[in-house]
Amino acid sequence: MKNQFAVECHSKIASDCLQNGKYFDSEEEAQDWVENECWIFSGDGWICLKCHDAFMGSLTSHRHKQGNGLDGVDSGVEADDGLDNELETGIDIVR
């Protein structure tokens, strides 16, 4: 059979989650596809970029609600790089 292998998104927390990657003839091709599409391996499975964005957005929202800074408390501490180190959603993909 053709196109029977795809990698499943482990998280499925985003409303627009892809659920599965593209289907291929082999597991290796399916694995290569998710790696090339920059899915994140969690140690338990692969997470699609839509779910990663949803998770990072949730972390950002939680951090702002808690008023937590870089050191875990609302102290205004910034990293040595001079940036405000806000959590960002998504990953900039270079193609």
PDB file of N, CA and C in Angstrom:
ATOM      1  N   MET A   1       0.834  -1.193   0.000  1.00  0.00           N
ATOM      2  CA  MET A   1       0.000   0.000   0.000  1.00  0.00           C
ATOM      3  C   MET A   1       0.873   1.249   0.000  1.00  0.00           C
ATOM      4  N   LYS A   2       0.372   2.272  -0.624  1.00  0.00           N
ATOM      5  CA  LYS A   2       1.105   3.530  -0.700  1.00  0.00           C
ATOM      6  C   LYS A   2       0.574   4.510   0.330  1.00  0.00           C
ATOM      7  N   ASN A   3       1.455   5.392   0.756  1.00  0.00           N
ATOM      8  CA  ASN A   3       1.089   6.488   1.660  1.00  0.00           C
ATOM      9  C   ASN A   3       0.334   6.016   2.907  1.00  0.00           C
ATOM     10  N   GLN A   4       0.934   5.081   3.628  1.00  0.00           N
ATOM     11  CA  GLN A   4       0.283   4.573   4.829  1.00  0.00           C
ATOM     12  C   GLN A   4       0.970   5.004   6.128  1.00  0.00           C
ATOM     13  N   PHE A   5       2.090   5.724   6.037  1.00  0.00           N
ATOM     14  CA  PHE A   5       2.829   6.132   7.221  1.00  0.00           C
ATOM     15  C   PHE A   5       2.807   7.641   7.399  1.00  0.00           C
ATOM     16  N   ALA A   6       2.478   8.073   8.604  1.00  0.00           N
ATOM     17  CA  ALA A   6       2.524   9.488   8.971  1.00  0.00           C
ATOM     18  C   ALA A   6       2.846   9.571  10.449  1.00  0.00           C
ATOM     19  N   VAL A   7       3.468  10.655  10.861  1.00  0.00           N
ATOM     20  CA  VAL A   7       3.756  10.889  12.272  1.00  0.00           C
ATOM     21  C   VAL A   7       2.575  11.639  12.874  1.00  0.00           C
ATOM     22  N   GLU A   8       2.114  11.175  14.024  1.00  0.00           N
ATOM     23  CA  GLU A   8       0.980  11.783  14.708  1.00  0.00           C
ATOM     24  C   GLU A   8       1.461  12.861  15.678  1.00  0.00           C
ATOM     25  N   CYS A   9       0.727  13.958  15.758  1.00  0.00           N
ATOM     26  CA  CYS A   9       1.038  14.997  16.737  1.00  0.00           C
ATOM     27  C   CYS A   9       0.718  14.454  18.126  1.00  0.00           C
ATOM     28  N   HIS A  10       1.684  14.505  19.006  1.00  0.00           N
ATOM     29  CA  HIS A  10       1.537  13.953  20.348  1.00  0.00           C
ATOM     30  C   HIS A  10       0.634  14.817  21.235  1.00  0.00           C
ATOM     31  N   SER A  11       0.626  16.088  21.005  1.00  0.00           N
ATOM     32  CA  SER A  11      -0.048  17.039  21.889  1.00  0.00           C
ATOM     33  C   SER A  11      -1.535  17.216  21.588  1.00  0.00           C
ATOM     34  N   LYS A  12      -1.832  17.616  20.385  1.00  0.00           N
ATOM     35  CA  LYS A  12      -3.209  17.881  19.924  1.00  0.00           C
ATOM     36  C   LYS A  12      -3.957  18.882  20.802  1.00  0.00           C
ATOM     37  N   ILE A  13      -3.271  19.952  21.251  1.00  0.00           N
ATOM     38  CA  ILE A  13      -3.939  20.947  22.096  1.00  0.00           C
ATOM     39  C   ILE A  13      -4.465  22.141  21.313  1.00  0.00           C
ATOM     40  N   ALA A  14      -3.977  22.340  20.111  1.00  0.00           N
ATOM     41  CA  ALA A  14      -4.420  23.486  19.301  1.00  0.00           C
ATOM     42  C   ALA A  14      -5.720  23.140  18.574  1.00  0.00           C
ATOM     43  N   SER A  15      -6.588  24.123  18.474  1.00  0.00           N
ATOM     44  CA  SER A  15      -7.852  23.889  17.767  1.00  0.00           C
ATOM     45  C   SER A  15      -7.618  23.583  16.289  1.00  0.00           C
ATOM     46  N   ASP A  16      -6.503  24.078  15.752  1.00  0.00           N
ATOM     47  CA  ASP A  16      -6.177  23.823  14.352  1.00  0.00           C
ATOM     48  C   ASP A  16      -5.004  22.853  14.187  1.00  0.00           C
ATOM     49  N   CYS A  17      -4.859  21.954  15.168  1.00  0.00           N
ATOM     50  CA  CYS A  17      -3.785  20.949  15.138  1.00  0.00           C
ATOM     51  C   CYS A  17      -3.867  20.128  13.856  1.00  0.00           C
ATOM     52  N   LEU A  18      -2.712  19.813  13.305  1.00  0.00           N
ATOM     53  CA  LEU A  18      -2.661  19.018  12.084  1.00  0.00           C
ATOM     54  C   LEU A  18      -3.019  17.554  12.328  1.00  0.00           C
ATOM     55  N   GLN A  19      -2.995  17.096  13.566  1.00  0.00           N
ATOM     56  CA  GLN A  19      -3.273  15.715  13.961  1.00  0.00           C
ATOM     57  C   GLN A  19      -2.204  14.742  13.451  1.00  0.00           C
ATOM     58  N   ASN A  20      -1.966  14.745  12.164  1.00  0.00           N
ATOM     59  CA  ASN A  20      -0.966  13.869  11.546  1.00  0.00           C
ATOM     60  C   ASN A  20      -0.170  14.670  10.534  1.00  0.00           C
ATOM     61  N   GLY A  21       1.089  14.259  10.364  1.00  0.00           N
ATOM     62  CA  GLY A  21       1.894  14.849   9.315  1.00  0.00           C
ATOM     63  C   GLY A  21       1.468  14.296   7.965  1.00  0.00           C
ATOM     64  N   LYS A  22       2.216  14.612   6.964  1.00  0.00           N
ATOM     65  CA  LYS A  22       1.943  14.139   5.613  1.00  0.00           C
ATOM     66  C   LYS A  22       2.182  12.625   5.554  1.00  0.00           C
ATOM     67  N   TYR A  23       1.386  11.939   4.750  1.00  0.00           N
ATOM     68  CA  TYR A  23       1.515  10.485   4.603  1.00  0.00           C
ATOM     69  C   TYR A  23       2.560  10.128   3.554  1.00  0.00           C
ATOM     70  N   PHE A  24       3.332   9.064   3.870  1.00  0.00           N
ATOM     71  CA  PHE A  24       4.398   8.593   2.988  1.00  0.00           C
ATOM     72  C   PHE A  24       4.378   7.077   2.895  1.00  0.00           C
ATOM     73  N   ASP A  25       5.199   6.565   2.004  1.00  0.00           N
ATOM     74  CA  ASP A  25       5.292   5.117   1.797  1.00  0.00           C
ATOM     75  C   ASP A  25       6.102   4.409   2.877  1.00  0.00           C
ATOM     76  N   SER A  26       6.918   5.158   3.621  1.00  0.00           N
ATOM     77  CA  SER A  26       7.733   4.532   4.663  1.00  0.00           C
ATOM     78  C   SER A  26       7.740   5.387   5.927  1.00  0.00           C
ATOM     79  N   GLU A  27       8.015   4.734   7.046  1.00  0.00           N
ATOM     80  CA  GLU A  27       8.116   5.450   8.319  1.00  0.00           C
ATOM     81  C   GLU A  27       9.263   6.452   8.282  1.00  0.00           C
ATOM     82  N   GLU A  28      10.349   6.064   7.636  1.00  0.00           N
ATOM     83  CA  GLU A  28      11.522   6.942   7.551  1.00  0.00           C
ATOM     84  C   GLU A  28      11.195   8.240   6.804  1.00  0.00           C
ATOM     85  N   GLU A  29      10.460   8.136   5.714  1.00  0.00           N
ATOM     86  CA  GLU A  29      10.067   9.333   4.970  1.00  0.00           C
ATOM     87  C   GLU A  29       9.153  10.229   5.808  1.00  0.00           C
ATOM     88  N   ALA A  30       8.239   9.611   6.552  1.00  0.00           N
ATOM     89  CA  ALA A  30       7.334  10.380   7.415  1.00  0.00           C
ATOM     90  C   ALA A  30       8.117  11.094   8.514  1.00  0.00           C
ATOM     91  N   GLN A  31       9.095  10.411   9.097  1.00  0.00           N
ATOM     92  CA  GLN A  31       9.962  10.993  10.122  1.00  0.00           C
ATOM     93  C   GLN A  31      10.778  12.151   9.544  1.00  0.00           C
ATOM     94  N   ASP A  32      11.327  11.950   8.371  1.00  0.00           N
ATOM     95  CA  ASP A  32      12.102  13.016   7.719  1.00  0.00           C
ATOM     96  C   ASP A  32      11.227  14.245   7.467  1.00  0.00           C
ATOM     97  N   TRP A  33       9.971  14.029   7.083  1.00  0.00           N
ATOM     98  CA  TRP A  33       9.072  15.144   6.805  1.00  0.00           C
ATOM     99  C   TRP A  33       8.850  15.996   8.048  1.00  0.00           C
ATOM    100  N   VAL A  34       8.543  15.370   9.210  1.00  0.00           N
ATOM    101  CA  VAL A  34       8.298  16.171  10.420  1.00  0.00           C
ATOM    102  C   VAL A  34       9.560  16.898  10.862  1.00  0.00           C
ATOM    103  N   GLU A  35      10.710  16.272  10.668  1.00  0.00           N
ATOM    104  CA  GLU A  35      11.964  16.944  11.012  1.00  0.00           C
ATOM    105  C   GLU A  35      12.189  18.147  10.100  1.00  0.00           C
ATOM    106  N   ASN A  36      11.928  17.985   8.811  1.00  0.00           N
ATOM    107  CA  ASN A  36      12.101  19.091   7.859  1.00  0.00           C
ATOM    108  C   ASN A  36      11.084  20.204   8.081  1.00  0.00           C
ATOM    109  N   GLU A  37       9.914  19.869   8.603  1.00  0.00           N
ATOM    110  CA  GLU A  37       8.878  20.864   8.899  1.00  0.00           C
ATOM    111  C   GLU A  37       9.064  21.496  10.280  1.00  0.00           C
ATOM    112  N   CYS A  38      10.130  21.098  10.985  1.00  0.00           N
ATOM    113  CA  CYS A  38      10.508  21.658  12.287  1.00  0.00           C
ATOM    114  C   CYS A  38       9.523  21.325  13.416  1.00  0.00           C
ATOM    115  N   TRP A  39       8.858  20.171  13.326  1.00  0.00           N
ATOM    116  CA  TRP A  39       8.059  19.724  14.464  1.00  0.00           C
ATOM    117  C   TRP A  39       9.025  19.509  15.626  1.00  0.00           C
ATOM    118  N   ILE A  40       8.533  19.605  16.841  1.00  0.00           N
ATOM    119  CA  ILE A  40       9.374  19.494  18.031  1.00  0.00           C
ATOM    120  C   ILE A  40       9.214  18.115  18.656  1.00  0.00           C
ATOM    121  N   PHE A  41      10.340  17.453  18.897  1.00  0.00           N
ATOM    122  CA  PHE A  41      10.274  16.151  19.566  1.00  0.00           C
ATOM    123  C   PHE A  41      10.294  16.387  21.065  1.00  0.00           C
ATOM    124  N   SER A  42       9.294  15.875  21.766  1.00  0.00           N
ATOM    125  CA  SER A  42       9.132  16.126  23.193  1.00  0.00           C
ATOM    126  C   SER A  42       9.799  15.076  24.074  1.00  0.00           C
ATOM    127  N   GLY A  43      10.282  14.016  23.482  1.00  0.00           N
ATOM    128  CA  GLY A  43      10.775  12.891  24.264  1.00  0.00           C
ATOM    129  C   GLY A  43       9.729  11.787  24.299  1.00  0.00           C
ATOM    130  N   ASP A  44       8.458  12.179  24.202  1.00  0.00           N
ATOM    131  CA  ASP A  44       7.358  11.221  24.158  1.00  0.00           C
ATOM    132  C   ASP A  44       6.773  11.105  22.758  1.00  0.00           C
ATOM    133  N   GLY A  45       6.965  12.106  21.938  1.00  0.00           N
ATOM    134  CA  GLY A  45       6.416  12.124  20.590  1.00  0.00           C
ATOM    135  C   GLY A  45       6.655  13.473  19.952  1.00  0.00           C
ATOM    136  N   TRP A  46       6.159  13.642  18.735  1.00  0.00           N
ATOM    137  CA  TRP A  46       6.344  14.866  17.966  1.00  0.00           C
ATOM    138  C   TRP A  46       5.189  15.826  18.189  1.00  0.00           C
ATOM    139  N   ILE A  47       5.480  17.116  18.266  1.00  0.00           N
ATOM    140  CA  ILE A  47       4.470  18.161  18.455  1.00  0.00           C
ATOM    141  C   ILE A  47       4.497  19.068  17.223  1.00  0.00           C
ATOM    142  N   CYS A  48       3.319  19.223  16.596  1.00  0.00           N
ATOM    143  CA  CYS A  48       3.243  20.077  15.409  1.00  0.00           C
ATOM    144  C   CYS A  48       3.412  21.552  15.811  1.00  0.00           C
ATOM    145  N   LEU A  49       3.700  22.382  14.846  1.00  0.00           N
ATOM    146  CA  LEU A  49       3.950  23.799  15.132  1.00  0.00           C
ATOM    147  C   LEU A  49       2.707  24.519  15.636  1.00  0.00           C
ATOM    148  N   LYS A  50       1.525  24.099  15.206  1.00  0.00           N
ATOM    149  CA  LYS A  50       0.286  24.730  15.677  1.00  0.00           C
ATOM    150  C   LYS A  50       0.120  24.499  17.172  1.00  0.00           C
ATOM    151  N   CYS A  51       0.380  23.265  17.634  1.00  0.00           N
ATOM    152  CA  CYS A  51       0.269  22.959  19.063  1.00  0.00           C
ATOM    153  C   CYS A  51       1.385  23.631  19.861  1.00  0.00           C
ATOM    154  N   HIS A  52       2.571  23.717  19.267  1.00  0.00           N
ATOM    155  CA  HIS A  52       3.668  24.426  19.930  1.00  0.00           C
ATOM    156  C   HIS A  52       3.298  25.892  20.142  1.00  0.00           C
ATOM    157  N   ASP A  53       2.735  26.521  19.109  1.00  0.00           N
ATOM    158  CA  ASP A  53       2.301  27.920  19.227  1.00  0.00           C
ATOM    159  C   ASP A  53       1.253  28.076  20.322  1.00  0.00           C
ATOM    160  N   ALA A  54       0.290  27.145  20.372  1.00  0.00           N
ATOM    161  CA  ALA A  54      -0.762  27.212  21.385  1.00  0.00           C
ATOM    162  C   ALA A  54      -0.169  27.049  22.786  1.00  0.00           C
ATOM    163  N   PHE A  55       0.769  26.135  22.942  1.00  0.00           N
ATOM    164  CA  PHE A  55       1.404  25.901  24.235  1.00  0.00           C
ATOM    165  C   PHE A  55       2.212  27.119  24.675  1.00  0.00           C
ATOM    166  N   MET A  56       3.003  27.693  23.772  1.00  0.00           N
ATOM    167  CA  MET A  56       3.805  28.862  24.118  1.00  0.00           C
ATOM    168  C   MET A  56       2.920  30.066  24.426  1.00  0.00           C
ATOM    169  N   GLY A  57       1.803  30.214  23.694  1.00  0.00           N
ATOM    170  CA  GLY A  57       0.857  31.287  23.984  1.00  0.00           C
ATOM    171  C   GLY A  57       0.262  31.132  25.370  1.00  0.00           C
ATOM    172  N   SER A  58      -0.021  29.890  25.747  1.00  0.00           N
ATOM    173  CA  SER A  58      -0.547  29.616  27.077  1.00  0.00           C
ATOM    174  C   SER A  58       0.479  29.951  28.159  1.00  0.00           C
ATOM    175  N   LEU A  59       1.732  29.612  27.917  1.00  0.00           N
ATOM    176  CA  LEU A  59       2.798  29.944  28.878  1.00  0.00           C
ATOM    177  C   LEU A  59       2.962  31.451  29.023  1.00  0.00           C
ATOM    178  N   THR A  60       2.937  32.147  27.899  1.00  0.00           N
ATOM    179  CA  THR A  60       3.064  33.603  27.928  1.00  0.00           C
ATOM    180  C   THR A  60       1.927  34.223  28.721  1.00  0.00           C
ATOM    181  N   SER A  61       0.722  33.778  28.447  1.00  0.00           N
ATOM    182  CA  SER A  61      -0.454  34.287  29.146  1.00  0.00           C
ATOM    183  C   SER A  61      -0.355  34.018  30.646  1.00  0.00           C
ATOM    184  N   HIS A  62       0.029  32.813  31.000  1.00  0.00           N
ATOM    185  CA  HIS A  62       0.166  32.442  32.409  1.00  0.00           C
ATOM    186  C   HIS A  62       1.237  33.292  33.095  1.00  0.00           C
ATOM    187  N   ARG A  63       2.358  33.485  32.407  1.00  0.00           N
ATOM    188  CA  ARG A  63       3.461  34.277  32.980  1.00  0.00           C
ATOM    189  C   ARG A  63       3.015  35.714  33.235  1.00  0.00           C
ATOM    190  N   HIS A  64       2.266  36.294  32.297  1.00  0.00           N
ATOM    191  CA  HIS A  64       1.787  37.664  32.478  1.00  0.00           C
ATOM    192  C   HIS A  64       0.768  37.750  33.611  1.00  0.00           C
ATOM    193  N   LYS A  65      -0.122  36.766  33.712  1.00  0.00           N
ATOM    194  CA  LYS A  65      -1.129  36.756  34.779  1.00  0.00           C
ATOM    195  C   LYS A  65      -0.474  36.652  36.150  1.00  0.00           C
ATOM    196  N   GLN A  66       0.584  35.856  36.230  1.00  0.00           N
ATOM    197  CA  GLN A  66       1.296  35.668  37.495  1.00  0.00           C
ATOM    198  C   GLN A  66       2.191  36.850  37.834  1.00  0.00           C
ATOM    199  N   GLY A  67       2.531  37.654  36.840  1.00  0.00           N
ATOM    200  CA  GLY A  67       3.425  38.789  37.049  1.00  0.00           C
ATOM    201  C   GLY A  67       4.858  38.357  37.266  1.00  0.00           C
ATOM    202  N   ASN A  68       5.193  37.169  36.762  1.00  0.00           N
ATOM    203  CA  ASN A  68       6.531  36.640  36.990  1.00  0.00           C
ATOM    204  C   ASN A  68       7.535  37.164  35.987  1.00  0.00           C
ATOM    205  N   GLY A  69       8.691  37.542  36.488  1.00  0.00           N
ATOM    206  CA  GLY A  69       9.806  37.963  35.652  1.00  0.00           C
ATOM    207  C   GLY A  69      10.715  36.788  35.365  1.00  0.00           C
ATOM    208  N   LEU A  70      11.902  37.071  34.873  1.00  0.00           N
ATOM    209  CA  LEU A  70      12.852  36.056  34.469  1.00  0.00           C
ATOM    210  C   LEU A  70      13.277  35.150  35.625  1.00  0.00           C
ATOM    211  N   ASP A  71      13.349  35.699  36.842  1.00  0.00           N
ATOM    212  CA  ASP A  71      13.795  34.901  37.976  1.00  0.00           C
ATOM    213  C   ASP A  71      12.639  34.241  38.726  1.00  0.00           C
ATOM    214  N   GLY A  72      11.417  34.297  38.172  1.00  0.00           N
ATOM    215  CA  GLY A  72      10.284  33.635  38.800  1.00  0.00           C
ATOM    216  C   GLY A  72       9.476  34.519  39.717  1.00  0.00           C
ATOM    217  N   VAL A  73       9.918  35.733  39.952  1.00  0.00           N
ATOM    218  CA  VAL A  73       9.162  36.674  40.773  1.00  0.00           C
ATOM    219  C   VAL A  73       9.077  38.007  40.041  1.00  0.00           C
ATOM    220  N   ASP A  74       8.192  38.864  40.473  1.00  0.00           N
ATOM    221  CA  ASP A  74       8.009  40.151  39.815  1.00  0.00           C
ATOM    222  C   ASP A  74       9.048  41.138  40.325  1.00  0.00           C
ATOM    223  N   SER A  75      10.306  40.937  39.896  1.00  0.00           N
ATOM    224  CA  SER A  75      11.385  41.779  40.394  1.00  0.00           C
ATOM    225  C   SER A  75      11.995  42.648  39.305  1.00  0.00           C
ATOM    226  N   GLY A  76      11.542  42.457  38.067  1.00  0.00           N
ATOM    227  CA  GLY A  76      12.085  43.246  36.963  1.00  0.00           C
ATOM    228  C   GLY A  76      13.462  42.789  36.523  1.00  0.00           C
ATOM    229  N   VAL A  77      13.927  41.625  37.003  1.00  0.00           N
ATOM    230  CA  VAL A  77      15.244  41.133  36.625  1.00  0.00           C
ATOM    231  C   VAL A  77      15.242  40.768  35.155  1.00  0.00           C
ATOM    232  N   GLU A  78      16.266  41.215  34.442  1.00  0.00           N
ATOM    233  CA  GLU A  78      16.418  40.878  33.038  1.00  0.00           C
ATOM    234  C   GLU A  78      17.697  40.075  32.857  1.00  0.00           C
ATOM    235  N   ALA A  79      17.727  39.317  31.786  1.00  0.00           N
ATOM    236  CA  ALA A  79      18.927  38.550  31.473  1.00  0.00           C
ATOM    237  C   ALA A  79      20.045  39.506  31.059  1.00  0.00           C
ATOM    238  N   ASP A  80      21.257  38.991  31.021  1.00  0.00           N
ATOM    239  CA  ASP A  80      22.419  39.804  30.681  1.00  0.00           C
ATOM    240  C   ASP A  80      22.442  40.272  29.238  1.00  0.00           C
ATOM    241  N   ASP A  81      21.526  39.753  28.404  1.00  0.00           N
ATOM    242  CA  ASP A  81      21.544  40.132  26.998  1.00  0.00           C
ATOM    243  C   ASP A  81      20.846  41.467  26.741  1.00  0.00           C
ATOM    244  N   GLY A  82      20.229  42.065  27.773  1.00  0.00           N
ATOM    245  CA  GLY A  82      19.578  43.359  27.624  1.00  0.00           C
ATOM    246  C   GLY A  82      18.184  43.295  27.045  1.00  0.00           C
ATOM    247  N   LEU A  83      17.737  42.108  26.656  1.00  0.00           N
ATOM    248  CA  LEU A  83      16.390  41.947  26.118  1.00  0.00           C
ATOM    249  C   LEU A  83      15.399  41.761  27.261  1.00  0.00           C
ATOM    250  N   ASP A  84      14.117  41.957  26.977  1.00  0.00           N
ATOM    251  CA  ASP A  84      13.129  41.772  28.039  1.00  0.00           C
ATOM    252  C   ASP A  84      12.729  40.309  28.192  1.00  0.00           C
ATOM    253  N   ASN A  85      13.193  39.453  27.296  1.00  0.00           N
ATOM    254  CA  ASN A  85      13.027  38.013  27.390  1.00  0.00           C
ATOM    255  C   ASN A  85      11.590  37.543  27.525  1.00  0.00           C
ATOM    256  N   GLU A  86      10.681  38.211  26.856  1.00  0.00           N
ATOM    257  CA  GLU A  86       9.303  37.741  26.817  1.00  0.00           C
ATOM    258  C   GLU A  86       9.263  36.429  26.043  1.00  0.00           C
ATOM    259  N   LEU A  87       8.418  35.525  26.482  1.00  0.00           N
ATOM    260  CA  LEU A  87       8.252  34.298  25.725  1.00  0.00           C
ATOM    261  C   LEU A  87       7.610  34.636  24.390  1.00  0.00           C
ATOM    262  N   GLU A  88       8.063  34.006  23.346  1.00  0.00           N
ATOM    263  CA  GLU A  88       7.523  34.256  22.023  1.00  0.00           C
ATOM    264  C   GLU A  88       6.764  33.027  21.554  1.00  0.00           C
ATOM    265  N   THR A  89       5.703  33.258  20.809  1.00  0.00           N
ATOM    266  CA  THR A  89       4.981  32.133  20.233  1.00  0.00           C
ATOM    267  C   THR A  89       5.539  31.828  18.870  1.00  0.00           C
ATOM    268  N   GLY A  90       5.629  30.554  18.598  1.00  0.00           N
ATOM    269  CA  GLY A  90       6.080  30.122  17.287  1.00  0.00           C
ATOM    270  C   GLY A  90       7.584  30.055  17.161  1.00  0.00           C
ATOM    271  N   ILE A  91       7.981  29.557  16.045  1.00  0.00           N
ATOM    272  CA  ILE A  91       9.397  29.413  15.729  1.00  0.00           C
ATOM    273  C   ILE A  91       9.625  30.068  14.384  1.00  0.00           C
ATOM    274  N   ASP A  92      10.644  30.908  14.298  1.00  0.00           N
ATOM    275  CA  ASP A  92      10.988  31.475  13.007  1.00  0.00           C
ATOM    276  C   ASP A  92      11.648  30.395  12.183  1.00  0.00           C
ATOM    277  N   ILE A  93      11.033  30.032  11.087  1.00  0.00           N
ATOM    278  CA  ILE A  93      11.546  28.968  10.246  1.00  0.00           C
ATOM    279  C   ILE A  93      12.312  29.584   9.090  1.00  0.00           C
ATOM    280  N   VAL A  94      13.530  29.150   8.936  1.00  0.00           N
ATOM    281  CA  VAL A  94      14.356  29.625   7.837  1.00  0.00           C
ATOM    282  C   VAL A  94      14.340  28.561   6.763  1.00  0.00           C
ATOM    283  N   ARG A  95      13.905  28.922   5.589  1.00  0.00           N
ATOM    284  CA  ARG A  95      13.833  27.947   4.488  1.00  0.00           C
ATOM    285  C   ARG A  95      14.730  28.381   3.372  1.00  0.00           C
TER     286      ARG A  95
END
